[in-house]
PDB file of N, CA and C in Angstrom:
ATOM      1  N   MET A   1      23.719 -16.709 -45.773  1.00  0.00           N
ATOM      2  CA  MET A   1      23.634 -15.342 -45.261  1.00  0.00           C
ATOM      3  C   MET A   1      22.217 -15.026 -44.788  1.00  0.00           C
ATOM      4  N   LYS A   2      21.259 -15.457 -45.588  1.00  0.00           N
ATOM      5  CA  LYS A   2      19.887 -15.167 -45.239  1.00  0.00           C
ATOM      6  C   LYS A   2      19.501 -15.847 -43.914  1.00  0.00           C
ATOM      7  N   ARG A   3      19.942 -17.090 -43.744  1.00  0.00           N
ATOM      8  CA  ARG A   3      19.641 -17.824 -42.511  1.00  0.00           C
ATOM      9  C   ARG A   3      20.281 -17.127 -41.306  1.00  0.00           C
ATOM     10  N   HIS A   4      21.520 -16.643 -41.490  1.00  0.00           N
ATOM     11  CA  HIS A   4      22.213 -15.939 -40.405  1.00  0.00           C
ATOM     12  C   HIS A   4      21.435 -14.682 -39.997  1.00  0.00           C
ATOM     13  N   GLU A   5      20.932 -13.954 -40.985  1.00  0.00           N
ATOM     14  CA  GLU A   5      20.140 -12.751 -40.694  1.00  0.00           C
ATOM     15  C   GLU A   5      18.852 -13.109 -39.957  1.00  0.00           C
ATOM     16  N   GLN A   6      18.225 -14.214 -40.362  1.00  0.00           N
ATOM     17  CA  GLN A   6      16.996 -14.647 -39.692  1.00  0.00           C
ATOM     18  C   GLN A   6      17.273 -15.013 -38.234  1.00  0.00           C
ATOM     19  N   ASN A   7      18.389 -15.740 -38.021  1.00  0.00           N
ATOM     20  CA  ASN A   7      18.757 -16.125 -36.660  1.00  0.00           C
ATOM     21  C   ASN A   7      19.058 -14.892 -35.810  1.00  0.00           C
ATOM     22  N   ARG A   8      19.750 -13.925 -36.396  1.00  0.00           N
ATOM     23  CA  ARG A   8      20.088 -12.715 -35.661  1.00  0.00           C
ATOM     24  C   ARG A   8      18.817 -11.950 -35.278  1.00  0.00           C
ATOM     25  N   LYS A   9      17.882 -11.839 -36.209  1.00  0.00           N
ATOM     26  CA  LYS A   9      16.618 -11.174 -35.902  1.00  0.00           C
ATOM     27  C   LYS A   9      15.870 -11.944 -34.821  1.00  0.00           C
ATOM     28  N   LYS A  10      15.869 -13.257 -34.966  1.00  0.00           N
ATOM     29  CA  LYS A  10      15.186 -14.100 -33.986  1.00  0.00           C
ATOM     30  C   LYS A  10      15.838 -13.941 -32.615  1.00  0.00           C
ATOM     31  N   ASN A  11      17.163 -13.959 -32.573  1.00  0.00           N
ATOM     32  CA  ASN A  11      17.879 -13.790 -31.311  1.00  0.00           C
ATOM     33  C   ASN A  11      17.621 -12.414 -30.715  1.00  0.00           C
ATOM     34  N   GLY A  12      17.573 -11.418 -31.558  1.00  0.00           N
ATOM     35  CA  GLY A  12      17.276 -10.067 -31.082  1.00  0.00           C
ATOM     36  C   GLY A  12      15.911  -9.996 -30.433  1.00  0.00           C
ATOM     37  N   ILE A  13      14.947 -10.657 -31.048  1.00  0.00           N
ATOM     38  CA  ILE A  13      13.597 -10.680 -30.490  1.00  0.00           C
ATOM     39  C   ILE A  13      13.584 -11.441 -29.170  1.00  0.00           C
ATOM     40  N   VAL A  14      14.307 -12.561 -29.127  1.00  0.00           N
ATOM     41  CA  VAL A  14      14.378 -13.353 -27.900  1.00  0.00           C
ATOM     42  C   VAL A  14      15.023 -12.542 -26.788  1.00  0.00           C
ATOM     43  N   VAL A  15      16.097 -11.827 -27.115  1.00  0.00           N
ATOM     44  CA  VAL A  15      16.777 -10.991 -26.125  1.00  0.00           C
ATOM     45  C   VAL A  15      15.831  -9.894 -25.641  1.00  0.00           C
ATOM     46  N   GLN A  16      15.135  -9.257 -26.580  1.00  0.00           N
ATOM     47  CA  GLN A  16      14.189  -8.214 -26.186  1.00  0.00           C
ATOM     48  C   GLN A  16      13.094  -8.784 -25.288  1.00  0.00           C
ATOM     49  N   ALA A  17      12.594  -9.956 -25.644  1.00  0.00           N
ATOM     50  CA  ALA A  17      11.546 -10.578 -24.836  1.00  0.00           C
ATOM     51  C   ALA A  17      12.064 -10.884 -23.437  1.00  0.00           C
ATOM     52  N   SER A  18      13.301 -11.349 -23.342  1.00  0.00           N
ATOM     53  CA  SER A  18      13.885 -11.641 -22.029  1.00  0.00           C
ATOM     54  C   SER A  18      14.042 -10.364 -21.210  1.00  0.00           C
ATOM     55  N   GLU A  19      14.500  -9.297 -21.861  1.00  0.00           N
ATOM     56  CA  GLU A  19      14.658  -8.022 -21.163  1.00  0.00           C
ATOM     57  C   GLU A  19      13.304  -7.476 -20.707  1.00  0.00           C
ATOM     58  N   ILE A  20      12.307  -7.617 -21.567  1.00  0.00           N
ATOM     59  CA  ILE A  20      10.965  -7.158 -21.208  1.00  0.00           C
ATOM     60  C   ILE A  20      10.441  -7.967 -20.029  1.00  0.00           C
ATOM     61  N   LYS A  21      10.670  -9.266 -20.064  1.00  0.00           N
ATOM     62  CA  LYS A  21      10.221 -10.139 -18.974  1.00  0.00           C
ATOM     63  C   LYS A  21      10.864  -9.722 -17.650  1.00  0.00           C
ATOM     64  N   ILE A  22      12.157  -9.405 -17.692  1.00  0.00           N
ATOM     65  CA  ILE A  22      12.869  -8.953 -16.492  1.00  0.00           C
ATOM     66  C   ILE A  22      12.279  -7.638 -15.993  1.00  0.00           C
ATOM     67  N   GLU A  23      12.036  -6.702 -16.912  1.00  0.00           N
ATOM     68  CA  GLU A  23      11.460  -5.408 -16.525  1.00  0.00           C
ATOM     69  C   GLU A  23      10.062  -5.574 -15.935  1.00  0.00           C
ATOM     70  N   VAL A  24       9.268  -6.448 -16.548  1.00  0.00           N
ATOM     71  CA  VAL A  24       7.917  -6.693 -16.034  1.00  0.00           C
ATOM     72  C   VAL A  24       7.998  -7.260 -14.619  1.00  0.00           C
ATOM     73  N   ARG A  25       8.924  -8.177 -14.398  1.00  0.00           N
ATOM     74  CA  ARG A  25       9.089  -8.746 -13.054  1.00  0.00           C
ATOM     75  C   ARG A  25       9.494  -7.669 -12.053  1.00  0.00           C
ATOM     76  N   LYS A  26      10.409  -6.780 -12.456  1.00  0.00           N
ATOM     77  CA  LYS A  26      10.826  -5.688 -11.565  1.00  0.00           C
ATOM     78  C   LYS A  26       9.644  -4.777 -11.240  1.00  0.00           C
ATOM     79  N   LEU A  27       8.878  -4.437 -12.281  1.00  0.00           N
ATOM     80  CA  LEU A  27       7.723  -3.567 -12.075  1.00  0.00           C
ATOM     81  C   LEU A  27       6.680  -4.237 -11.191  1.00  0.00           C
ATOM     82  N   TYR A  28       6.463  -5.524 -11.394  1.00  0.00           N
ATOM     83  CA  TYR A  28       5.489  -6.246 -10.575  1.00  0.00           C
ATOM     84  C   TYR A  28       5.955  -6.310  -9.122  1.00  0.00           C
ATOM     85  N   LYS A  29       7.261  -6.542  -8.935  1.00  0.00           N
ATOM     86  CA  LYS A  29       7.809  -6.567  -7.578  1.00  0.00           C
ATOM     87  C   LYS A  29       7.604  -5.209  -6.911  1.00  0.00           C
ATOM     88  N   ARG A  30       7.868  -4.134  -7.651  1.00  0.00           N
ATOM     89  CA  ARG A  30       7.684  -2.783  -7.110  1.00  0.00           C
ATOM     90  C   ARG A  30       6.212  -2.523  -6.792  1.00  0.00           C
ATOM     91  N   PHE A  31       5.334  -2.993  -7.683  1.00  0.00           N
ATOM     92  CA  PHE A  31       3.897  -2.867  -7.450  1.00  0.00           C
ATOM     93  C   PHE A  31       3.507  -3.554  -6.144  1.00  0.00           C
ATOM     94  N   LEU A  32       4.018  -4.765  -5.922  1.00  0.00           N
ATOM     95  CA  LEU A  32       3.703  -5.498  -4.692  1.00  0.00           C
ATOM     96  C   LEU A  32       4.235  -4.769  -3.462  1.00  0.00           C
ATOM     97  N   GLU A  33       5.425  -4.163  -3.585  1.00  0.00           N
ATOM     98  CA  GLU A  33       5.980  -3.393  -2.467  1.00  0.00           C
ATOM     99  C   GLU A  33       5.088  -2.195  -2.143  1.00  0.00           C
ATOM    100  N   ILE A  34       4.648  -1.496  -3.180  1.00  0.00           N
ATOM    101  CA  ILE A  34       3.770  -0.334  -2.982  1.00  0.00           C
ATOM    102  C   ILE A  34       2.443  -0.780  -2.384  1.00  0.00           C
ATOM    103  N   GLN A  35       1.920  -1.883  -2.887  1.00  0.00           N
ATOM    104  CA  GLN A  35       0.660  -2.409  -2.365  1.00  0.00           C
ATOM    105  C   GLN A  35       0.799  -2.753  -0.880  1.00  0.00           C
ATOM    106  N   LEU A  36       1.920  -3.353  -0.514  1.00  0.00           N
ATOM    107  CA  LEU A  36       2.162  -3.697   0.886  1.00  0.00           C
ATOM    108  C   LEU A  36       2.263  -2.433   1.742  1.00  0.00           C
ATOM    109  N   ASP A  37       2.984  -1.431   1.236  1.00  0.00           N
ATOM    110  CA  ASP A  37       3.093  -0.158   1.963  1.00  0.00           C
ATOM    111  C   ASP A  37       1.716   0.471   2.177  1.00  0.00           C
ATOM    112  N   LEU A  38       0.903   0.469   1.124  1.00  0.00           N
ATOM    113  CA  LEU A  38      -0.432   1.058   1.240  1.00  0.00           C
ATOM    114  C   LEU A  38      -1.306   0.267   2.204  1.00  0.00           C
ATOM    115  N   THR A  39      -1.169  -1.046   2.175  1.00  0.00           N
ATOM    116  CA  THR A  39      -1.930  -1.885   3.107  1.00  0.00           C
ATOM    117  C   THR A  39      -1.518  -1.584   4.540  1.00  0.00           C
ATOM    118  N   ASN A  40      -0.213  -1.462   4.768  1.00  0.00           N
ATOM    119  CA  ASN A  40       0.276  -1.128   6.112  1.00  0.00           C
ATOM    120  C   ASN A  40      -0.220   0.244   6.551  1.00  0.00           C
ATOM    121  N   ASP A  41      -0.194   1.203   5.627  1.00  0.00           N
ATOM    122  CA  ASP A  41      -0.707   2.543   5.944  1.00  0.00           C
ATOM    123  C   ASP A  41      -2.192   2.492   6.289  1.00  0.00           C
ATOM    124  N   LEU A  42      -2.940   1.706   5.530  1.00  0.00           N
ATOM    125  CA  LEU A  42      -4.375   1.581   5.783  1.00  0.00           C
ATOM    126  C   LEU A  42      -4.639   0.964   7.153  1.00  0.00           C
ATOM    127  N   ILE A  43      -3.885  -0.070   7.499  1.00  0.00           N
ATOM    128  CA  ILE A  43      -4.033  -0.701   8.816  1.00  0.00           C
ATOM    129  C   ILE A  43      -3.725   0.308   9.917  1.00  0.00           C
ATOM    130  N   PHE A  44      -2.658   1.089   9.735  1.00  0.00           N
ATOM    131  CA  PHE A  44      -2.283   2.106  10.717  1.00  0.00           C
ATOM    132  C   PHE A  44      -3.389   3.150  10.868  1.00  0.00           C
ATOM    133  N   LEU A  45      -3.923   3.613   9.735  1.00  0.00           N
ATOM    134  CA  LEU A  45      -4.984   4.620   9.788  1.00  0.00           C
ATOM    135  C   LEU A  45      -6.254   4.063  10.428  1.00  0.00           C
ATOM    136  N   GLN A  46      -6.548   2.800  10.159  1.00  0.00           N
ATOM    137  CA  GLN A  46      -7.714   2.184  10.797  1.00  0.00           C
ATOM    138  C   GLN A  46      -7.516   2.087  12.306  1.00  0.00           C
ATOM    139  N   ALA A  47      -6.305   1.772  12.726  1.00  0.00           N
ATOM    140  CA  ALA A  47      -6.012   1.716  14.163  1.00  0.00           C
ATOM    141  C   ALA A  47      -6.169   3.101  14.793  1.00  0.00           C
ATOM    142  N   LEU A  48      -5.704   4.134  14.096  1.00  0.00           N
ATOM    143  CA  LEU A  48      -5.888   5.502  14.601  1.00  0.00           C
ATOM    144  C   LEU A  48      -7.368   5.859  14.704  1.00  0.00           C
ATOM    145  N   LEU A  49      -8.121   5.455  13.709  1.00  0.00           N
ATOM    146  CA  LEU A  49      -9.556   5.731  13.715  1.00  0.00           C
ATOM    147  C   LEU A  49     -10.245   5.035  14.887  1.00  0.00           C
ATOM    148  N   VAL A  50      -9.873   3.794  15.135  1.00  0.00           N
ATOM    149  CA  VAL A  50     -10.435   3.063  16.276  1.00  0.00           C
ATOM    150  C   VAL A  50     -10.078   3.775  17.579  1.00  0.00           C
ATOM    151  N   GLN A  51      -8.819   4.198  17.710  1.00  0.00           N
ATOM    152  CA  GLN A  51      -8.394   4.899  18.927  1.00  0.00           C
ATOM    153  C   GLN A  51      -9.148   6.214  19.090  1.00  0.00           C
ATOM    154  N   GLN A  52      -9.302   6.929  17.993  1.00  0.00           N
ATOM    155  CA  GLN A  52     -10.047   8.196  18.048  1.00  0.00           C
ATOM    156  C   GLN A  52     -11.480   7.950  18.495  1.00  0.00           C
ATOM    157  N   ARG A  53     -12.071   6.896  17.962  1.00  0.00           N
ATOM    158  CA  ARG A  53     -13.454   6.566  18.350  1.00  0.00           C
ATOM    159  C   ARG A  53     -13.526   6.217  19.840  1.00  0.00           C
ATOM    160  N   ARG A  54     -12.522   5.507  20.328  1.00  0.00           N
ATOM    161  CA  ARG A  54     -12.492   5.181  21.763  1.00  0.00           C
ATOM    162  C   ARG A  54     -12.417   6.455  22.597  1.00  0.00           C
ATOM    163  N   TRP A  55     -11.581   7.404  22.166  1.00  0.00           N
ATOM    164  CA  TRP A  55     -11.475   8.671  22.892  1.00  0.00           C
ATOM    165  C   TRP A  55     -12.809   9.411  22.865  1.00  0.00           C
ATOM    166  N   ASP A  56     -13.454   9.396  21.686  1.00  0.00           N
ATOM    167  CA  ASP A  56     -14.749  10.067  21.568  1.00  0.00           C
ATOM    168  C   ASP A  56     -15.774   9.443  22.509  1.00  0.00           C
ATOM    169  N   ILE A  57     -15.808   8.127  22.563  1.00  0.00           N
ATOM    170  CA  ILE A  57     -16.752   7.428  23.442  1.00  0.00           C
ATOM    171  C   ILE A  57     -16.455   7.764  24.899  1.00  0.00           C
ATOM    172  N   THR A  58     -15.171   7.753  25.255  1.00  0.00           N
ATOM    173  CA  THR A  58     -14.778   8.081  26.633  1.00  0.00           C
ATOM    174  C   THR A  58     -15.173   9.514  26.971  1.00  0.00           C
ATOM    175  N   ARG A  59     -14.908  10.428  26.050  1.00  0.00           N
ATOM    176  CA  ARG A  59     -15.246  11.837  26.278  1.00  0.00           C
ATOM    177  C   ARG A  59     -16.763  12.011  26.410  1.00  0.00           C
ATOM    178  N   GLU A  60     -17.520  11.305  25.560  1.00  0.00           N
ATOM    179  CA  GLU A  60     -18.982  11.383  25.639  1.00  0.00           C
ATOM    180  C   GLU A  60     -19.479  10.832  26.973  1.00  0.00           C
ATOM    181  N   ALA A  61     -18.842   9.771  27.437  1.00  0.00           N
ATOM    182  CA  ALA A  61     -19.251   9.167  28.709  1.00  0.00           C
ATOM    183  C   ALA A  61     -18.878  10.060  29.885  1.00  0.00           C
ATOM    184  N   GLU A  62     -17.761  10.758  29.773  1.00  0.00           N
ATOM    185  CA  GLU A  62     -17.298  11.606  30.875  1.00  0.00           C
ATOM    186  C   GLU A  62     -17.973  12.972  30.893  1.00  0.00           C
ATOM    187  N   ALA A  63     -18.539  13.395  29.796  1.00  0.00           N
ATOM    188  CA  ALA A  63     -19.121  14.736  29.705  1.00  0.00           C
ATOM    189  C   ALA A  63     -20.167  15.000  30.786  1.00  0.00           C
ATOM    190  N   PRO A  64     -21.141  14.110  30.999  1.00  0.00           N
ATOM    191  CA  PRO A  64     -22.122  14.387  32.067  1.00  0.00           C
ATOM    192  C   PRO A  64     -21.478  14.454  33.449  1.00  0.00           C
ATOM    193  N   ILE A  65     -20.487  13.623  33.689  1.00  0.00           N
ATOM    194  CA  ILE A  65     -19.797  13.630  34.983  1.00  0.00           C
ATOM    195  C   ILE A  65     -19.094  14.968  35.187  1.00  0.00           C
ATOM    196  N   LEU A  66     -18.428  15.448  34.137  1.00  0.00           N
ATOM    197  CA  LEU A  66     -17.737  16.740  34.228  1.00  0.00           C
ATOM    198  C   LEU A  66     -18.734  17.875  34.434  1.00  0.00           C
ATOM    199  N   GLN A  67     -19.866  17.810  33.750  1.00  0.00           N
ATOM    200  CA  GLN A  67     -20.881  18.859  33.900  1.00  0.00           C
ATOM    201  C   GLN A  67     -21.417  18.890  35.331  1.00  0.00           C
ATOM    202  N   GLU A  68     -21.646  17.709  35.896  1.00  0.00           N
ATOM    203  CA  GLU A  68     -22.129  17.648  37.281  1.00  0.00           C
ATOM    204  C   GLU A  68     -21.087  18.201  38.242  1.00  0.00           C
ATOM    205  N   THR A  69     -19.826  17.874  37.980  1.00  0.00           N
ATOM    206  CA  THR A  69     -18.749  18.345  38.849  1.00  0.00           C
ATOM    207  C   THR A  69     -18.648  19.865  38.796  1.00  0.00           C
ATOM    208  N   VAL A  70     -18.680  20.408  37.597  1.00  0.00           N
ATOM    209  CA  VAL A  70     -18.592  21.862  37.433  1.00  0.00           C
ATOM    210  C   VAL A  70     -19.820  22.526  38.046  1.00  0.00           C
ATOM    211  N   ALA A  71     -20.985  21.957  37.846  1.00  0.00           N
ATOM    212  CA  ALA A  71     -22.223  22.534  38.387  1.00  0.00           C
ATOM    213  C   ALA A  71     -22.227  22.483  39.912  1.00  0.00           C
ATOM    214  N   GLY A  72     -21.574  21.477  40.480  1.00  0.00           N
ATOM    215  CA  GLY A  72     -21.544  21.330  41.932  1.00  0.00           C
ATOM    216  C   GLY A  72     -20.585  22.290  42.605  1.00  0.00           C
ATOM    217  N   TRP A  73     -19.754  22.962  41.871  1.00  0.00           N
ATOM    218  CA  TRP A  73     -18.780  23.879  42.480  1.00  0.00           C
ATOM    219  C   TRP A  73     -19.428  25.153  42.753  1.00  0.00           C
TER     220      TRP A  73
END
């Protein structure tokens, strides 16, 4: 009887460890998905920032031309 109880406790621990391992894997997979989403968002935001900077440079370059045009009218 005592051996049976020990085996049952041992099996219970093994089952719990297996369930925990599965949960950890699920959580890690979800973490990787979130990390990928954030990386994609960061890349998108960096692309927007680059585009904004290009617009700013273009606007800065065009400003004197526009001022001359307006002044010439």
